[in-house]
Amino acid sequence: MMYASWGVHVPTVRDKFALSPGMLSFALLAVAGSSIFAMLTTGS
């Protein structure tokens, strides 16, 4: 449910912060990468 609502708001966030498509992609990749890192470190 949260991912579905986030998907609707991506264009709004992009416009609010004036992000280019490349910067938006990098920001989304950074969020995914940091969550994977957090899961690896807290799992042990």
Protein backbone atom coordinates (compact mmCIF):
# COMPACT_ATOMS: atom_id res chain seq x y z
CA MET A 1 0.00 0.00 0.00
CA MET A 2 2.79 2.43 0.86
CA TYR A 3 4.71 1.72 -2.35
CA ALA A 4 1.58 2.31 -4.41
CA SER A 5 0.95 5.67 -2.77
CA TRP A 6 4.62 6.65 -3.17
CA GLY A 7 4.49 5.92 -6.89
CA VAL A 8 1.72 8.44 -7.35
CA HIS A 9 3.72 11.18 -5.58
CA VAL A 10 7.04 10.75 -7.42
CA PRO A 11 6.22 13.41 -10.08
CA THR A 12 5.16 15.83 -7.34
CA VAL A 13 8.42 15.36 -5.43
CA ARG A 14 10.41 15.67 -8.67
CA ASP A 15 8.73 18.97 -9.49
CA LYS A 16 8.94 20.33 -5.93
CA PHE A 17 12.71 19.83 -5.73
CA ALA A 18 13.33 20.53 -9.45
CA LEU A 19 15.11 17.21 -9.97
CA SER A 20 16.22 16.05 -13.38
CA PRO A 21 15.34 12.48 -14.34
CA GLY A 22 18.93 11.43 -13.67
CA MET A 23 19.03 12.97 -10.21
CA LEU A 24 15.66 11.46 -9.35
CA SER A 25 16.93 8.04 -10.42
CA PHE A 26 20.05 8.48 -8.32
CA ALA A 27 17.99 9.53 -5.28
CA LEU A 28 15.75 6.46 -5.61
CA LEU A 29 18.80 4.23 -6.04
CA ALA A 30 20.41 5.76 -2.94
CA VAL A 31 17.30 5.02 -0.88
CA ALA A 32 17.24 1.40 -2.06
CA GLY A 33 20.98 0.95 -1.54
CA SER A 34 20.95 2.41 1.94
CA SER A 35 18.03 0.22 2.98
CA ILE A 36 19.88 -2.89 1.79
CA PHE A 37 22.97 -1.77 3.73
CA ALA A 38 20.86 -1.16 6.84
CA MET A 39 19.30 -4.62 6.60
CA LEU A 40 22.73 -6.25 6.26
CA THR A 41 24.19 -4.44 9.26
CA THR A 42 21.22 -4.90 11.60
CA GLY A 43 20.70 -8.54 10.65
CA SER A 44 23.91 -9.67 12.28
